Amino acid sequence: MSGRPLDVLEASLGDRVRVRLKSGEEYVGDLAGYDQHMNLVLEDAAVSSPEETAADASIEDTTIIRGDNVVSITP
């Protein structure tokens, strides 16, 4: 998958994505929406901090992530 970032997000709507934040936290969830600022809406997202293991991750129903905090998004 290649192209402009918003095209990649459009193609990933409804799919599982991994989002890494500046704080080191990672969210894995279904991409439900986004905007031109790369603000993201994730459904059924598991969040973990750098010192946690995957088993320690908590599940959130709906998560809104401000685009300024995003380091990477992996479809």
C-alpha atoms as a PDB file:
ATOM      1  CA  MET A   1       0.000   0.000   0.000  1.00  0.00           C
ATOM      2  CA  SER A   2       1.500   3.334  -1.008  1.00  0.00           C
ATOM      3  CA  GLY A   3       0.335   6.821  -1.755  1.00  0.00           C
ATOM      4  CA  ARG A   4      -0.466   9.991   0.063  1.00  0.00           C
ATOM      5  CA  PRO A   5      -1.065   9.635   3.819  1.00  0.00           C
ATOM      6  CA  LEU A   6      -4.783  10.500   3.672  1.00  0.00           C
ATOM      7  CA  ASP A   7      -5.254   8.020   0.797  1.00  0.00           C
ATOM      8  CA  VAL A   8      -3.698   5.298   2.950  1.00  0.00           C
ATOM      9  CA  LEU A   9      -6.027   6.195   5.838  1.00  0.00           C
ATOM     10  CA  GLU A  10      -9.036   6.133   3.498  1.00  0.00           C
ATOM     11  CA  ALA A  11      -8.064   2.645   2.310  1.00  0.00           C
ATOM     12  CA  SER A  12      -7.652   1.545   5.955  1.00  0.00           C
ATOM     13  CA  LEU A  13     -11.101   2.636   7.188  1.00  0.00           C
ATOM     14  CA  GLY A  14     -12.700  -0.274   9.050  1.00  0.00           C
ATOM     15  CA  ASP A  15      -9.394  -2.157   9.300  1.00  0.00           C
ATOM     16  CA  ARG A  16      -7.144  -2.746  12.320  1.00  0.00           C
ATOM     17  CA  VAL A  17      -4.355  -0.191  12.627  1.00  0.00           C
ATOM     18  CA  ARG A  18      -1.496   0.364  15.076  1.00  0.00           C
ATOM     19  CA  VAL A  19      -0.956   3.967  16.196  1.00  0.00           C
ATOM     20  CA  ARG A  20       2.210   4.999  18.049  1.00  0.00           C
ATOM     21  CA  LEU A  21       2.125   8.271  20.017  1.00  0.00           C
ATOM     22  CA  LYS A  22       4.900  10.673  21.054  1.00  0.00           C
ATOM     23  CA  SER A  23       4.449   9.468  24.647  1.00  0.00           C
ATOM     24  CA  GLY A  24       5.380   5.924  23.593  1.00  0.00           C
ATOM     25  CA  GLU A  25       1.853   4.565  24.025  1.00  0.00           C
ATOM     26  CA  GLU A  26       0.495   2.315  21.283  1.00  0.00           C
ATOM     27  CA  TYR A  27      -3.125   1.876  20.294  1.00  0.00           C
ATOM     28  CA  VAL A  28      -4.351  -1.039  18.190  1.00  0.00           C
ATOM     29  CA  GLY A  29      -7.937  -0.732  17.012  1.00  0.00           C
ATOM     30  CA  ASP A  30     -10.364  -0.440  14.128  1.00  0.00           C
ATOM     31  CA  LEU A  31     -10.001   2.858  12.250  1.00  0.00           C
ATOM     32  CA  ALA A  32     -13.491   4.379  12.330  1.00  0.00           C
ATOM     33  CA  GLY A  33     -12.630   7.857  11.073  1.00  0.00           C
ATOM     34  CA  TYR A  34     -10.060  10.594  10.534  1.00  0.00           C
ATOM     35  CA  ASP A  35      -9.798  14.180   9.314  1.00  0.00           C
ATOM     36  CA  GLN A  36      -7.349  16.359   7.362  1.00  0.00           C
ATOM     37  CA  HIS A  37      -5.323  16.967  10.554  1.00  0.00           C
ATOM     38  CA  MET A  38      -4.913  13.191  10.991  1.00  0.00           C
ATOM     39  CA  ASN A  39      -7.053  13.215  14.129  1.00  0.00           C
ATOM     40  CA  LEU A  40      -8.148   9.586  14.446  1.00  0.00           C
ATOM     41  CA  VAL A  41     -11.155   7.713  15.782  1.00  0.00           C
ATOM     42  CA  LEU A  42     -10.492   4.112  16.832  1.00  0.00           C
ATOM     43  CA  GLU A  43     -13.090   1.563  17.928  1.00  0.00           C
ATOM     44  CA  ASP A  44     -12.326  -1.356  20.268  1.00  0.00           C
ATOM     45  CA  ALA A  45      -8.781  -0.090  20.791  1.00  0.00           C
ATOM     46  CA  ALA A  46      -6.244  -1.743  23.053  1.00  0.00           C
ATOM     47  CA  VAL A  47      -3.790   0.709  24.577  1.00  0.00           C
ATOM     48  CA  SER A  48      -0.434  -0.116  26.084  1.00  0.00           C
ATOM     49  CA  SER A  49       2.423   1.987  27.395  1.00  0.00           C
ATOM     50  CA  PRO A  50       6.087   1.192  26.679  1.00  0.00           C
ATOM     51  CA  GLU A  51       6.554  -0.566  30.039  1.00  0.00           C
ATOM     52  CA  GLU A  52       3.444  -2.764  29.679  1.00  0.00           C
ATOM     53  CA  THR A  53       3.154  -6.077  27.890  1.00  0.00           C
ATOM     54  CA  ALA A  54       0.367  -6.882  25.442  1.00  0.00           C
ATOM     55  CA  ALA A  55      -1.406  -8.838  28.196  1.00  0.00           C
ATOM     56  CA  ASP A  56      -1.549  -5.670  30.333  1.00  0.00           C
ATOM     57  CA  ALA A  57      -3.190  -3.570  27.591  1.00  0.00           C
ATOM     58  CA  SER A  58      -6.583  -2.100  28.432  1.00  0.00           C
ATOM     59  CA  ILE A  59      -9.489  -2.028  25.962  1.00  0.00           C
ATOM     60  CA  GLU A  60     -11.326   1.215  25.120  1.00  0.00           C
ATOM     61  CA  ASP A  61     -14.674   1.333  23.252  1.00  0.00           C
ATOM     62  CA  THR A  62     -14.097   4.549  21.306  1.00  0.00           C
ATOM     63  CA  THR A  63     -10.847   6.487  21.316  1.00  0.00           C
ATOM     64  CA  ILE A  64     -10.155   9.857  19.700  1.00  0.00           C
ATOM     65  CA  ILE A  65      -6.481  10.627  19.110  1.00  0.00           C
ATOM     66  CA  ARG A  66      -5.290  14.128  18.289  1.00  0.00           C
ATOM     67  CA  GLY A  67      -3.130  14.105  15.149  1.00  0.00           C
ATOM     68  CA  ASP A  68      -0.401  16.236  16.791  1.00  0.00           C
ATOM     69  CA  ASN A  69       0.408  13.307  19.090  1.00  0.00           C
ATOM     70  CA  VAL A  70       0.764  10.669  16.360  1.00  0.00           C
ATOM     71  CA  VAL A  71       4.238   9.422  15.421  1.00  0.00           C
ATOM     72  CA  SER A  72       3.184   6.554  13.145  1.00  0.00           C
ATOM     73  CA  ILE A  73       0.147   4.695  11.851  1.00  0.00           C
ATOM     74  CA  THR A  74       0.593   1.143  10.596  1.00  0.00           C
ATOM     75  CA  PRO A  75      -2.272  -0.369   8.572  1.00  0.00           C
END
